[in-house]
Structures are given as structure tokens and as C-alpha cells.
């Protein structure tokens, strides 16, 4: 029996629609989805508000979006400003811009370049290039890389925003296997191989195999386990 094809959803210009289960969902302009939405592909080019959760196999967001529930997607590409009131769950994510997740963020691979504010970040691989003030409650993963972002393009755009600007990540705890951090302020960094790079302020480092510290970094104490 042939599967019933779900209808697509499309907003062009300014409009709103009810949520539900659809095939492809596309917003070009300014759109509001009333309630949760489930789709195979979600594409935004503009401004969108979803007064519920978003579940999609693939999601590409360009512009400004506010999701008032959770966001679940296997593949995520976020460009611009994204605010998620709940959790962000997926397999692979790449973000360029500003991301706020009030709940937890769980990924297999997380690649971010910009300004992030996340409650809890847990991923197999974390690659973060910080632009401006970033804050994350806790970071856990196998391979964690946190570096200062390039001063080109994105940084110039972020500097135009009316908020204090400096390249620094504030986090309570970072725990992983292989860790490299720069311009990070943390209570605890714990891992097998730990590199504390330039601009860091770390109260305690716990490591099992290898520890490297940049001469400009400050480490309160280090303990080999």
C-alpha cells in the first residue's frame, strides 16, 4: 500500500498557521506557527515563532527564530539568532550566530561559531569558536575544542549589537577525554588530555595523562588522577 503523502506547509510574506504533521515546512518572510510542528524538512529564511516544539529530520534556519518548546532534528544548520525555551536534541549541528537554549543541548557533533548561552551541552564532539560573551552551565563530551573565533565577518556583526562585548566563555564544569580550551573561565576542567590555552582562568584542572598550560593562562591548582 502506498504511503499517504503529508501536505507541505509554506508561508511567503507575512502569515500564521496551525501546527501539526506535514511534509516540508518552509517560511520565507515573517511567520508564526501556532502549536507544535512535525515535518521531514524545516526551512526558514526570515523570522519565525513556533509556539510549541519543532521536530524535523533536517532543519535549516536563516534569520531569527524563537521556539517556545523543544527542538529535535537529526541535522541542524542555524544561521542568525535562535532562541529555544526548551531542549535542543539532534545528531549533527552547525551554528553561526547567536544561540540560546534554556534547557539542555544533546548532540553527536556540535559545531558552533558565535555567541552561545546554553544550560547544559553534551556531545561526542564539541567544536566551539567563541565570539563575544558566552555562557554554558556544563560541557561534557569525548573531544572538546573551545577557541577564540576569527575577527572577520561574524565578529563585526556581533559587535554592532547593544550588549557588552568580549571573547570569553564562562562555564562551571568541562569534562571529556581530550580537551583544548582558550579564553575560558571555569571552575573545573576534567579530562584525560587537557590543554589550557591563552586567556583562560581555571580554578581546578584534573587530568589523567597529559597536561599543557599556556604561559598566559591562570590555573589555580592541577591534580593528576
N, C-alpha and C. Protein backbone atom coordinates (compact mmCIF):
# COMPACT_ATOMS: atom_id res chain seq x y z
N UNK A 1 0.84 -1.19 0.00
CA UNK A 1 0.00 0.00 0.00
C UNK A 1 0.88 1.24 0.00
N UNK A 2 0.57 2.17 -0.87
CA UNK A 2 1.37 3.39 -0.99
C UNK A 2 1.12 4.28 0.21
N UNK A 3 2.24 4.82 0.77
CA UNK A 3 2.13 5.69 1.94
C UNK A 3 1.43 6.99 1.57
N UNK A 4 0.62 7.48 2.45
CA UNK A 4 -0.08 8.75 2.23
C UNK A 4 0.90 9.90 2.40
N UNK A 5 1.00 10.73 1.37
CA UNK A 5 1.93 11.86 1.41
C UNK A 5 1.32 12.99 2.23
N UNK A 6 2.10 13.46 3.17
CA UNK A 6 1.63 14.54 4.01
C UNK A 6 1.71 15.87 3.26
N UNK A 7 0.80 16.79 3.48
CA UNK A 7 0.83 18.09 2.79
C UNK A 7 2.01 18.93 3.26
N UNK A 8 2.50 19.79 2.37
CA UNK A 8 3.56 20.72 2.73
C UNK A 8 2.95 21.98 3.35
N UNK A 9 3.80 22.69 4.06
CA UNK A 9 3.39 23.96 4.68
C UNK A 9 4.31 25.05 4.16
N UNK A 10 3.73 26.15 3.70
CA UNK A 10 4.56 27.24 3.18
C UNK A 10 3.94 28.58 3.54
N UNK A 11 4.77 29.46 4.08
CA UNK A 11 4.38 30.84 4.35
C UNK A 11 5.32 31.75 3.56
N UNK A 12 4.76 32.59 2.74
CA UNK A 12 5.53 33.57 1.97
C UNK A 12 5.00 34.95 2.31
N UNK A 13 5.89 35.84 2.75
CA UNK A 13 5.46 37.16 3.17
C UNK A 13 5.22 37.16 4.67
N UNK A 14 4.02 37.55 5.07
CA UNK A 14 3.66 37.58 6.50
C UNK A 14 2.43 36.69 6.69
N UNK A 15 2.50 35.76 7.65
CA UNK A 15 1.37 34.88 7.85
C UNK A 15 1.53 34.01 9.07
N UNK A 16 0.48 33.26 9.38
CA UNK A 16 0.49 32.33 10.50
C UNK A 16 -0.28 31.08 10.11
N UNK A 17 -0.01 30.01 10.81
CA UNK A 17 -0.67 28.74 10.52
C UNK A 17 -0.70 27.88 11.76
N UNK A 18 -1.57 26.91 11.77
CA UNK A 18 -1.61 25.95 12.86
C UNK A 18 -0.49 24.94 12.69
N UNK A 19 -0.06 24.36 13.80
CA UNK A 19 0.96 23.33 13.74
C UNK A 19 0.35 22.01 13.27
N UNK A 20 1.06 20.93 13.52
CA UNK A 20 0.60 19.63 13.08
C UNK A 20 1.71 18.85 12.41
N UNK A 21 1.33 17.80 11.67
CA UNK A 21 2.30 16.95 10.98
C UNK A 21 2.21 17.19 9.49
N UNK A 22 3.35 17.62 8.89
CA UNK A 22 3.37 17.97 7.47
C UNK A 22 4.60 17.34 6.81
N UNK A 23 4.70 17.52 5.49
CA UNK A 23 5.88 17.06 4.77
C UNK A 23 7.02 18.04 4.96
N UNK A 24 7.16 18.99 4.04
CA UNK A 24 8.14 20.06 4.17
C UNK A 24 7.45 21.31 4.73
N UNK A 25 8.13 22.02 5.62
CA UNK A 25 7.64 23.28 6.14
C UNK A 25 8.64 24.37 5.76
N UNK A 26 8.15 25.42 5.11
CA UNK A 26 9.03 26.49 4.64
C UNK A 26 8.42 27.85 4.94
N UNK A 27 9.24 28.72 5.55
CA UNK A 27 8.81 30.08 5.84
C UNK A 27 9.78 31.04 5.18
N UNK A 28 9.25 31.87 4.28
CA UNK A 28 10.03 32.91 3.62
C UNK A 28 9.37 34.25 3.96
N UNK A 29 9.93 34.93 4.95
CA UNK A 29 9.33 36.17 5.39
C UNK A 29 9.17 36.15 6.90
N UNK A 30 7.94 36.49 7.37
CA UNK A 30 7.66 36.51 8.80
C UNK A 30 6.49 35.57 9.06
N UNK A 31 6.73 34.53 9.85
CA UNK A 31 5.69 33.54 10.07
C UNK A 31 5.59 33.10 11.50
N UNK A 32 4.39 32.67 11.87
CA UNK A 32 4.13 32.14 13.20
C UNK A 32 3.40 30.81 13.07
N UNK A 33 3.90 29.80 13.77
CA UNK A 33 3.25 28.50 13.82
C UNK A 33 2.61 28.36 15.19
N UNK A 34 1.29 28.18 15.20
CA UNK A 34 0.55 28.09 16.46
C UNK A 34 0.48 26.64 16.89
N UNK A 35 1.33 26.28 17.83
CA UNK A 35 1.40 24.91 18.31
C UNK A 35 2.66 24.22 17.82
N UNK A 36 2.79 22.95 18.13
CA UNK A 36 3.97 22.17 17.73
C UNK A 36 3.84 21.72 16.28
N UNK A 37 5.00 21.47 15.65
CA UNK A 37 5.01 21.03 14.26
C UNK A 37 6.01 19.90 14.09
N UNK A 38 5.61 18.90 13.29
CA UNK A 38 6.49 17.77 12.95
C UNK A 38 6.57 17.69 11.44
N UNK A 39 7.80 17.62 10.89
CA UNK A 39 7.96 17.61 9.44
C UNK A 39 9.23 16.88 9.05
N UNK A 40 9.39 16.64 7.75
CA UNK A 40 10.61 16.00 7.26
C UNK A 40 11.73 17.02 7.09
N UNK A 41 11.37 18.22 6.59
CA UNK A 41 12.33 19.30 6.40
C UNK A 41 11.70 20.60 6.87
N UNK A 42 12.51 21.39 7.59
CA UNK A 42 12.05 22.71 8.01
C UNK A 42 13.05 23.73 7.51
N UNK A 43 12.56 24.72 6.74
CA UNK A 43 13.44 25.74 6.17
C UNK A 43 12.89 27.11 6.54
N UNK A 44 13.75 27.94 7.11
CA UNK A 44 13.38 29.32 7.44
C UNK A 44 14.33 30.28 6.76
N UNK A 45 13.76 31.28 6.10
CA UNK A 45 14.53 32.39 5.56
C UNK A 45 13.78 33.66 5.96
N UNK A 46 14.06 34.14 7.18
CA UNK A 46 13.34 35.30 7.67
C UNK A 46 13.20 35.27 9.17
N UNK A 47 11.95 35.43 9.66
CA UNK A 47 11.66 35.48 11.10
C UNK A 47 10.53 34.51 11.39
N UNK A 48 10.71 33.69 12.42
CA UNK A 48 9.68 32.70 12.75
C UNK A 48 9.54 32.55 14.25
N UNK A 49 8.29 32.34 14.67
CA UNK A 49 7.98 31.99 16.06
C UNK A 49 7.15 30.72 16.05
N UNK A 50 7.55 29.75 16.85
CA UNK A 50 6.80 28.50 16.97
C UNK A 50 6.34 28.38 18.42
N UNK A 51 5.03 28.44 18.63
CA UNK A 51 4.50 28.41 20.00
C UNK A 51 4.29 26.97 20.45
N UNK A 52 5.35 26.19 20.33
CA UNK A 52 5.34 24.78 20.68
C UNK A 52 6.69 24.21 20.37
N UNK A 53 6.76 22.92 20.06
CA UNK A 53 8.02 22.26 19.72
C UNK A 53 8.15 22.06 18.23
N UNK A 54 9.40 21.92 17.78
CA UNK A 54 9.69 21.65 16.37
C UNK A 54 10.45 20.34 16.28
N UNK A 55 9.90 19.40 15.48
CA UNK A 55 10.56 18.12 15.25
C UNK A 55 10.70 17.91 13.75
N UNK A 56 11.96 17.73 13.30
CA UNK A 56 12.22 17.60 11.87
C UNK A 56 13.44 16.72 11.65
N UNK A 57 13.46 16.04 10.49
CA UNK A 57 14.65 15.26 10.14
C UNK A 57 15.80 16.21 9.84
N UNK A 58 15.54 17.23 9.02
CA UNK A 58 16.53 18.25 8.71
C UNK A 58 15.91 19.62 8.97
N UNK A 59 16.74 20.53 9.47
CA UNK A 59 16.27 21.89 9.71
C UNK A 59 17.37 22.87 9.32
N UNK A 60 16.98 23.88 8.54
CA UNK A 60 17.89 24.95 8.12
C UNK A 60 17.22 26.27 8.45
N UNK A 61 17.82 27.01 9.37
CA UNK A 61 17.24 28.27 9.83
C UNK A 61 18.18 29.42 9.51
N UNK A 62 17.68 30.35 8.71
CA UNK A 62 18.44 31.55 8.35
C UNK A 62 17.62 32.76 8.79
N UNK A 63 18.13 33.51 9.76
CA UNK A 63 17.39 34.67 10.23
C UNK A 63 17.21 34.61 11.74
N UNK A 64 16.01 34.94 12.19
CA UNK A 64 15.71 34.99 13.62
C UNK A 64 14.55 34.05 13.93
N UNK A 65 14.73 33.21 14.92
CA UNK A 65 13.67 32.26 15.26
C UNK A 65 13.57 32.09 16.77
N UNK A 66 12.34 31.85 17.21
CA UNK A 66 12.06 31.61 18.62
C UNK A 66 11.16 30.38 18.70
N UNK A 67 11.68 29.36 19.35
CA UNK A 67 10.93 28.11 19.53
C UNK A 67 10.58 28.01 21.01
N UNK A 68 9.28 28.04 21.29
CA UNK A 68 8.84 28.13 22.67
C UNK A 68 8.80 26.77 23.38
N UNK A 69 9.09 25.70 22.66
CA UNK A 69 9.17 24.37 23.24
C UNK A 69 10.54 23.78 23.01
N UNK A 70 10.57 22.49 22.65
CA UNK A 70 11.82 21.80 22.34
C UNK A 70 12.07 21.80 20.84
N UNK A 71 13.32 21.55 20.46
CA UNK A 71 13.67 21.38 19.05
C UNK A 71 14.41 20.06 18.90
N UNK A 72 13.90 19.19 18.01
CA UNK A 72 14.51 17.89 17.75
C UNK A 72 14.73 17.75 16.26
N UNK A 73 15.98 17.46 15.87
CA UNK A 73 16.30 17.27 14.46
C UNK A 73 17.59 16.48 14.33
N UNK A 74 17.66 15.62 13.33
CA UNK A 74 18.88 14.85 13.12
C UNK A 74 20.00 15.75 12.61
N UNK A 75 19.68 16.64 11.66
CA UNK A 75 20.67 17.56 11.10
C UNK A 75 20.16 18.98 11.22
N UNK A 76 21.02 19.85 11.79
CA UNK A 76 20.62 21.23 12.04
C UNK A 76 21.66 22.18 11.47
N UNK A 77 21.18 23.19 10.77
CA UNK A 77 22.04 24.27 10.31
C UNK A 77 21.37 25.58 10.72
N UNK A 78 22.00 26.30 11.63
CA UNK A 78 21.42 27.50 12.19
C UNK A 78 22.31 28.70 11.87
N UNK A 79 21.74 29.70 11.24
CA UNK A 79 22.48 30.90 10.87
C UNK A 79 21.64 32.11 11.27
N UNK A 80 22.15 32.89 12.22
CA UNK A 80 21.42 34.06 12.68
C UNK A 80 21.24 34.00 14.18
N UNK A 81 20.02 34.26 14.63
CA UNK A 81 19.72 34.27 16.06
C UNK A 81 18.61 33.28 16.36
N UNK A 82 18.88 32.33 17.24
CA UNK A 82 17.93 31.27 17.56
C UNK A 82 17.76 31.20 19.08
N UNK A 83 16.51 31.21 19.53
CA UNK A 83 16.20 31.07 20.95
C UNK A 83 15.27 29.87 21.12
N UNK A 84 15.66 28.95 22.00
CA UNK A 84 14.88 27.75 22.26
C UNK A 84 14.58 27.71 23.75
N UNK A 85 13.30 27.74 24.09
CA UNK A 85 12.92 27.78 25.50
C UNK A 85 13.08 26.42 26.19
N UNK A 86 13.06 25.35 25.43
CA UNK A 86 13.21 24.00 25.99
C UNK A 86 14.56 23.41 25.70
N UNK A 87 14.57 22.14 25.25
CA UNK A 87 15.80 21.40 24.95
C UNK A 87 16.07 21.39 23.44
N UNK A 88 17.34 21.20 23.10
CA UNK A 88 17.76 21.04 21.70
C UNK A 88 18.42 19.68 21.57
N UNK A 89 17.81 18.78 20.79
CA UNK A 89 18.28 17.39 20.68
C UNK A 89 18.48 17.06 19.21
N UNK A 90 19.62 16.42 18.88
CA UNK A 90 19.85 16.03 17.50
C UNK A 90 21.12 15.21 17.34
N UNK A 91 21.51 14.98 16.08
CA UNK A 91 22.73 14.24 15.78
C UNK A 91 23.89 15.17 15.42
N UNK A 92 23.64 16.05 14.45
CA UNK A 92 24.70 16.95 13.97
C UNK A 92 24.16 18.38 13.91
N UNK A 93 24.93 19.33 14.46
CA UNK A 93 24.51 20.71 14.41
C UNK A 93 25.67 21.62 14.09
N UNK A 94 25.38 22.60 13.24
CA UNK A 94 26.35 23.66 12.95
C UNK A 94 25.64 24.99 13.08
N UNK A 95 26.20 25.89 13.89
CA UNK A 95 25.58 27.19 14.09
C UNK A 95 26.58 28.30 13.84
N UNK A 96 26.10 29.36 13.21
CA UNK A 96 26.86 30.59 13.02
C UNK A 96 25.96 31.74 13.45
N UNK A 97 26.28 32.34 14.59
CA UNK A 97 25.45 33.44 15.06
C UNK A 97 25.25 33.38 16.56
N UNK A 98 23.98 33.53 16.99
CA UNK A 98 23.66 33.56 18.41
C UNK A 98 22.66 32.45 18.72
N UNK A 99 22.99 31.64 19.72
CA UNK A 99 22.13 30.54 20.12
C UNK A 99 21.88 30.60 21.62
N UNK A 100 20.60 30.57 21.99
CA UNK A 100 20.21 30.49 23.39
C UNK A 100 19.34 29.25 23.57
N UNK A 101 19.77 28.35 24.43
CA UNK A 101 18.99 27.15 24.76
C UNK A 101 18.80 27.16 26.27
N UNK A 102 17.56 27.34 26.71
CA UNK A 102 17.31 27.45 28.14
C UNK A 102 17.36 26.10 28.85
N UNK A 103 17.19 25.03 28.10
CA UNK A 103 17.29 23.69 28.66
C UNK A 103 18.64 23.09 28.35
N UNK A 104 18.64 21.81 27.95
CA UNK A 104 19.89 21.12 27.63
C UNK A 104 20.03 20.97 26.12
N UNK A 105 21.28 20.80 25.69
CA UNK A 105 21.60 20.57 24.28
C UNK A 105 22.38 19.27 24.19
N UNK A 106 21.85 18.29 23.44
CA UNK A 106 22.49 16.99 23.30
C UNK A 106 22.67 16.67 21.82
N UNK A 107 23.91 16.41 21.41
CA UNK A 107 24.26 16.16 20.01
C UNK A 107 25.34 15.09 19.93
N UNK A 108 25.45 14.47 18.76
CA UNK A 108 26.63 13.66 18.49
C UNK A 108 27.80 14.57 18.13
N UNK A 109 27.53 15.56 17.27
CA UNK A 109 28.55 16.53 16.87
C UNK A 109 27.96 17.93 16.98
N UNK A 110 28.65 18.81 17.70
CA UNK A 110 28.21 20.20 17.88
C UNK A 110 29.32 21.11 17.40
N UNK A 111 29.03 21.89 16.35
CA UNK A 111 29.99 22.87 15.84
C UNK A 111 29.34 24.24 15.90
N UNK A 112 29.95 25.14 16.63
CA UNK A 112 29.36 26.45 16.79
C UNK A 112 30.38 27.55 16.63
N UNK A 113 29.95 28.65 16.01
CA UNK A 113 30.77 29.84 15.86
C UNK A 113 29.89 31.04 16.15
N UNK A 114 30.14 31.70 17.27
CA UNK A 114 29.31 32.83 17.62
C UNK A 114 29.18 33.00 19.11
N UNK A 115 27.99 33.43 19.53
CA UNK A 115 27.70 33.69 20.94
C UNK A 115 26.65 32.70 21.41
N UNK A 116 26.99 31.92 22.45
CA UNK A 116 26.10 30.87 22.92
C UNK A 116 25.77 31.03 24.39
N UNK A 117 24.52 30.72 24.72
CA UNK A 117 24.07 30.66 26.11
C UNK A 117 23.24 29.39 26.24
N UNK A 118 23.80 28.39 26.91
CA UNK A 118 23.20 27.06 26.96
C UNK A 118 23.26 26.56 28.40
N UNK A 119 22.18 25.90 28.83
CA UNK A 119 22.17 25.36 30.18
C UNK A 119 23.16 24.22 30.35
N UNK A 120 23.03 23.19 29.51
CA UNK A 120 23.91 22.02 29.55
C UNK A 120 24.20 21.58 28.13
N UNK A 121 25.48 21.40 27.78
CA UNK A 121 25.89 20.95 26.45
C UNK A 121 26.58 19.60 26.58
N UNK A 122 26.02 18.60 25.90
CA UNK A 122 26.59 17.26 25.95
C UNK A 122 26.67 16.72 24.51
N UNK A 123 27.89 16.42 24.04
CA UNK A 123 28.07 15.94 22.67
C UNK A 123 29.33 15.09 22.59
N UNK A 124 29.35 14.17 21.63
CA UNK A 124 30.55 13.38 21.41
C UNK A 124 31.72 14.27 21.02
N UNK A 125 31.46 15.19 20.08
CA UNK A 125 32.47 16.15 19.64
C UNK A 125 31.92 17.55 19.80
N UNK A 126 32.66 18.41 20.47
CA UNK A 126 32.29 19.81 20.64
C UNK A 126 33.39 20.66 20.03
N UNK A 127 33.04 21.46 19.03
CA UNK A 127 33.97 22.40 18.42
C UNK A 127 33.32 23.78 18.46
N UNK A 128 33.85 24.63 19.31
CA UNK A 128 33.24 25.94 19.54
C UNK A 128 34.26 27.05 19.31
N UNK A 129 33.87 28.01 18.47
CA UNK A 129 34.66 29.23 18.27
C UNK A 129 33.85 30.38 18.85
N UNK A 130 34.38 30.97 19.91
CA UNK A 130 33.61 31.97 20.65
C UNK A 130 33.80 33.37 20.08
N UNK A 131 32.66 34.07 19.98
CA UNK A 131 32.64 35.48 19.59
C UNK A 131 31.78 36.20 20.62
N UNK A 132 32.39 36.95 21.48
CA UNK A 132 31.64 37.66 22.49
C UNK A 132 31.47 36.83 23.76
N UNK A 133 30.63 37.35 24.68
CA UNK A 133 30.39 36.67 25.94
C UNK A 133 29.52 35.44 25.73
N UNK A 134 30.01 34.28 26.15
CA UNK A 134 29.26 33.03 26.05
C UNK A 134 29.15 32.43 27.45
N UNK A 135 28.05 31.73 27.70
CA UNK A 135 27.88 31.07 28.99
C UNK A 135 27.23 29.71 28.79
N UNK A 136 27.81 28.69 29.41
CA UNK A 136 27.28 27.33 29.37
C UNK A 136 27.41 26.76 30.78
N UNK A 137 26.35 26.14 31.28
CA UNK A 137 26.41 25.60 32.64
C UNK A 137 27.47 24.52 32.76
N UNK A 138 27.35 23.47 31.95
CA UNK A 138 28.30 22.36 31.95
C UNK A 138 28.50 21.87 30.53
N UNK A 139 29.73 21.39 30.24
CA UNK A 139 30.04 20.81 28.94
C UNK A 139 30.60 19.41 29.16
N UNK A 140 30.03 18.44 28.46
CA UNK A 140 30.54 17.08 28.53
C UNK A 140 30.69 16.50 27.13
N UNK A 141 31.76 15.72 26.93
CA UNK A 141 31.97 15.13 25.60
C UNK A 141 33.24 14.31 25.56
N UNK A 142 33.50 13.71 24.41
CA UNK A 142 34.73 12.95 24.22
C UNK A 142 35.85 13.88 23.79
N UNK A 143 35.59 14.66 22.73
CA UNK A 143 36.60 15.61 22.25
C UNK A 143 36.02 17.01 22.30
N UNK A 144 36.67 17.89 23.04
CA UNK A 144 36.15 19.24 23.26
C UNK A 144 37.21 20.26 22.86
N UNK A 145 36.84 21.15 21.95
CA UNK A 145 37.74 22.21 21.49
C UNK A 145 37.02 23.54 21.59
N UNK A 146 37.56 24.46 22.36
CA UNK A 146 36.99 25.79 22.52
C UNK A 146 38.09 26.80 22.21
N UNK A 147 37.88 27.58 21.16
CA UNK A 147 38.88 28.52 20.71
C UNK A 147 38.26 29.88 20.43
N UNK A 148 39.11 30.88 20.39
CA UNK A 148 38.66 32.22 20.03
C UNK A 148 38.40 32.28 18.54
N UNK A 149 37.25 32.85 18.17
CA UNK A 149 36.88 32.91 16.76
C UNK A 149 37.65 33.96 15.99
N UNK A 150 37.55 33.88 14.68
CA UNK A 150 38.19 34.84 13.80
C UNK A 150 37.56 36.21 13.95
N UNK A 151 38.33 37.25 13.71
CA UNK A 151 37.82 38.62 13.83
C UNK A 151 37.12 39.09 12.56
N UNK A 152 36.95 38.21 11.59
CA UNK A 152 36.32 38.60 10.34
C UNK A 152 34.83 38.32 10.36
N UNK A 153 34.10 39.03 9.58
CA UNK A 153 32.70 38.73 9.28
C UNK A 153 31.79 38.72 10.48
N UNK A 154 31.64 37.55 11.08
CA UNK A 154 30.68 37.36 12.15
C UNK A 154 30.98 38.26 13.33
N UNK A 155 32.25 38.41 13.68
CA UNK A 155 32.61 39.22 14.83
C UNK A 155 32.19 40.67 14.62
N UNK A 156 32.39 41.21 13.43
CA UNK A 156 31.98 42.59 13.15
C UNK A 156 30.48 42.74 13.32
N UNK A 157 29.71 41.74 12.87
CA UNK A 157 28.26 41.80 13.00
C UNK A 157 27.84 41.77 14.46
N UNK A 158 28.46 40.89 15.26
CA UNK A 158 28.09 40.79 16.67
C UNK A 158 28.45 42.05 17.44
N UNK A 159 29.50 42.74 17.03
CA UNK A 159 29.90 43.95 17.74
C UNK A 159 28.89 45.09 17.57
N UNK A 160 28.03 44.99 16.57
CA UNK A 160 27.02 46.03 16.38
C UNK A 160 25.87 45.89 17.36
N UNK A 161 25.77 44.75 18.06
CA UNK A 161 24.67 44.53 18.98
C UNK A 161 24.88 45.31 20.27
N UNK A 162 23.79 45.85 20.87
CA UNK A 162 23.90 46.71 22.07
C UNK A 162 24.09 45.91 23.35
N UNK A 163 25.16 45.11 23.41
CA UNK A 163 25.46 44.33 24.61
C UNK A 163 26.97 44.39 24.83
N UNK A 164 27.42 44.18 26.10
CA UNK A 164 28.86 44.17 26.35
C UNK A 164 29.56 43.11 25.51
N UNK A 165 30.74 43.43 25.01
CA UNK A 165 31.40 42.51 24.08
C UNK A 165 32.80 42.18 24.54
N UNK A 166 33.08 40.90 24.67
CA UNK A 166 34.43 40.38 24.88
C UNK A 166 34.39 38.91 24.50
N UNK A 167 35.53 38.39 24.11
CA UNK A 167 35.60 36.98 23.71
C UNK A 167 35.91 36.14 24.94
N UNK A 168 34.88 35.58 25.58
CA UNK A 168 35.09 34.79 26.78
C UNK A 168 33.94 33.82 26.98
N UNK A 169 34.27 32.59 27.33
CA UNK A 169 33.27 31.60 27.70
C UNK A 169 33.32 31.40 29.21
N UNK A 170 32.15 31.51 29.85
CA UNK A 170 32.03 31.20 31.27
C UNK A 170 31.30 29.88 31.42
N UNK A 171 31.89 28.95 32.16
CA UNK A 171 31.31 27.61 32.31
C UNK A 171 31.68 27.09 33.70
N UNK A 172 30.80 26.31 34.28
CA UNK A 172 31.12 25.77 35.60
C UNK A 172 32.07 24.58 35.48
N UNK A 173 31.69 23.57 34.67
CA UNK A 173 32.48 22.35 34.56
C UNK A 173 32.63 21.92 33.11
N UNK A 174 33.84 21.51 32.74
CA UNK A 174 34.10 20.88 31.44
C UNK A 174 34.68 19.51 31.71
N UNK A 175 34.07 18.48 31.13
CA UNK A 175 34.56 17.11 31.37
C UNK A 175 34.57 16.33 30.07
N UNK A 176 35.72 15.75 29.72
CA UNK A 176 35.83 14.99 28.48
C UNK A 176 37.10 14.17 28.44
N UNK A 177 37.37 13.57 27.29
CA UNK A 177 38.59 12.79 27.12
C UNK A 177 39.75 13.68 26.68
N UNK A 178 39.60 14.34 25.53
CA UNK A 178 40.62 15.25 25.01
C UNK A 178 40.05 16.66 24.99
N UNK A 179 40.68 17.55 25.73
CA UNK A 179 40.14 18.90 25.93
C UNK A 179 41.18 19.95 25.57
N UNK A 180 40.77 20.92 24.76
CA UNK A 180 41.60 22.10 24.46
C UNK A 180 40.71 23.31 24.63
N UNK A 181 41.08 24.21 25.53
CA UNK A 181 40.26 25.40 25.76
C UNK A 181 41.12 26.66 25.68
N UNK A 182 40.51 27.71 25.16
CA UNK A 182 41.10 29.04 25.13
C UNK A 182 40.04 30.04 25.59
N UNK A 183 40.48 31.14 26.19
CA UNK A 183 39.59 32.24 26.59
C UNK A 183 38.35 31.71 27.31
N UNK A 184 38.61 30.86 28.29
CA UNK A 184 37.55 30.21 29.05
C UNK A 184 37.77 30.42 30.54
N UNK A 185 36.67 30.73 31.23
CA UNK A 185 36.68 30.85 32.68
C UNK A 185 35.85 29.71 33.24
N UNK A 186 36.47 28.84 34.04
CA UNK A 186 35.78 27.64 34.52
C UNK A 186 36.18 27.31 35.95
N UNK A 187 35.23 26.68 36.65
CA UNK A 187 35.53 26.18 37.99
C UNK A 187 36.40 24.93 37.90
N UNK A 188 35.97 23.97 37.05
CA UNK A 188 36.67 22.68 36.96
C UNK A 188 36.80 22.26 35.50
N UNK A 189 37.98 21.82 35.12
CA UNK A 189 38.21 21.17 33.83
C UNK A 189 38.78 19.79 34.14
N UNK A 190 38.09 18.75 33.64
CA UNK A 190 38.48 17.38 34.00
C UNK A 190 38.55 16.52 32.74
N UNK A 191 39.71 15.85 32.51
CA UNK A 191 39.84 15.02 31.33
C UNK A 191 41.08 14.17 31.34
N UNK A 192 41.24 13.37 30.27
CA UNK A 192 42.46 12.56 30.12
C UNK A 192 43.63 13.43 29.68
N UNK A 193 43.45 14.10 28.54
CA UNK A 193 44.46 15.01 28.00
C UNK A 193 43.88 16.41 27.98
N UNK A 194 44.51 17.33 28.72
CA UNK A 194 43.96 18.66 28.91
C UNK A 194 44.98 19.71 28.50
N UNK A 195 44.56 20.61 27.60
CA UNK A 195 45.37 21.77 27.22
C UNK A 195 44.62 23.03 27.61
N UNK A 196 45.24 23.84 28.45
CA UNK A 196 44.67 25.12 28.86
C UNK A 196 45.41 26.21 28.09
N UNK A 197 44.72 26.82 27.14
CA UNK A 197 45.34 27.77 26.24
C UNK A 197 45.27 29.20 26.72
N UNK A 198 45.53 30.11 25.80
CA UNK A 198 45.62 31.54 26.11
C UNK A 198 44.29 32.07 26.64
N UNK A 199 44.39 33.03 27.56
CA UNK A 199 43.22 33.73 28.03
C UNK A 199 42.33 32.98 29.00
N UNK A 200 42.81 31.85 29.54
CA UNK A 200 41.96 31.03 30.42
C UNK A 200 42.15 31.39 31.89
N UNK A 201 41.06 31.23 32.63
CA UNK A 201 41.08 31.33 34.09
C UNK A 201 40.37 30.09 34.63
N UNK A 202 41.14 29.13 35.13
CA UNK A 202 40.60 27.85 35.57
C UNK A 202 40.96 27.66 37.04
N UNK A 203 39.96 27.35 37.86
CA UNK A 203 40.23 27.16 39.29
C UNK A 203 40.90 25.81 39.56
N UNK A 204 40.39 24.75 38.91
CA UNK A 204 40.93 23.41 39.16
C UNK A 204 40.97 22.60 37.88
N UNK A 205 42.12 21.98 37.60
CA UNK A 205 42.26 21.05 36.48
C UNK A 205 42.57 19.67 37.04
N UNK A 206 41.80 18.67 36.62
CA UNK A 206 42.06 17.28 36.97
C UNK A 206 42.33 16.53 35.67
N UNK A 207 43.49 15.86 35.57
CA UNK A 207 43.85 15.17 34.34
C UNK A 207 44.45 13.80 34.67
N UNK A 208 44.38 12.90 33.68
CA UNK A 208 44.88 11.54 33.89
C UNK A 208 46.20 11.28 33.17
N UNK A 209 46.37 11.85 31.96
CA UNK A 209 47.55 11.51 31.16
C UNK A 209 48.44 12.71 30.86
N UNK A 210 47.89 13.75 30.23
CA UNK A 210 48.72 14.85 29.76
C UNK A 210 48.10 16.19 30.14
N UNK A 211 48.96 17.12 30.56
CA UNK A 211 48.51 18.48 30.89
C UNK A 211 49.46 19.49 30.27
N UNK A 212 48.89 20.47 29.55
CA UNK A 212 49.67 21.54 28.95
C UNK A 212 49.01 22.87 29.31
N UNK A 213 49.81 23.85 29.70
CA UNK A 213 49.28 25.15 30.08
C UNK A 213 50.02 26.27 29.37
N UNK A 214 49.26 27.15 28.72
CA UNK A 214 49.85 28.33 28.10
C UNK A 214 50.35 29.28 29.20
N UNK A 215 51.42 29.98 28.91
CA UNK A 215 52.02 30.86 29.92
C UNK A 215 51.12 32.02 30.30
N UNK A 216 50.17 32.38 29.42
CA UNK A 216 49.25 33.48 29.74
C UNK A 216 48.02 33.02 30.50
N UNK A 217 47.84 31.71 30.66
CA UNK A 217 46.66 31.18 31.33
C UNK A 217 46.89 31.10 32.83
N UNK A 218 45.81 31.21 33.57
CA UNK A 218 45.89 31.08 35.03
C UNK A 218 45.14 29.82 35.47
N UNK A 219 45.84 28.95 36.19
CA UNK A 219 45.25 27.74 36.76
C UNK A 219 45.48 27.75 38.25
N UNK A 220 44.39 27.71 39.03
CA UNK A 220 44.53 27.74 40.48
C UNK A 220 45.27 26.54 41.02
N UNK A 221 44.84 25.35 40.60
CA UNK A 221 45.52 24.12 41.02
C UNK A 221 45.27 23.03 39.99
N UNK A 222 46.22 22.11 39.91
CA UNK A 222 46.09 20.98 38.98
C UNK A 222 46.41 19.70 39.72
N UNK A 223 45.63 18.65 39.39
CA UNK A 223 45.78 17.38 40.08
C UNK A 223 45.81 16.27 39.04
N UNK A 224 46.86 15.42 39.11
CA UNK A 224 46.91 14.25 38.26
C UNK A 224 46.23 13.11 38.97
N UNK A 225 45.23 12.52 38.33
CA UNK A 225 44.45 11.48 38.97
C UNK A 225 45.08 10.11 38.79
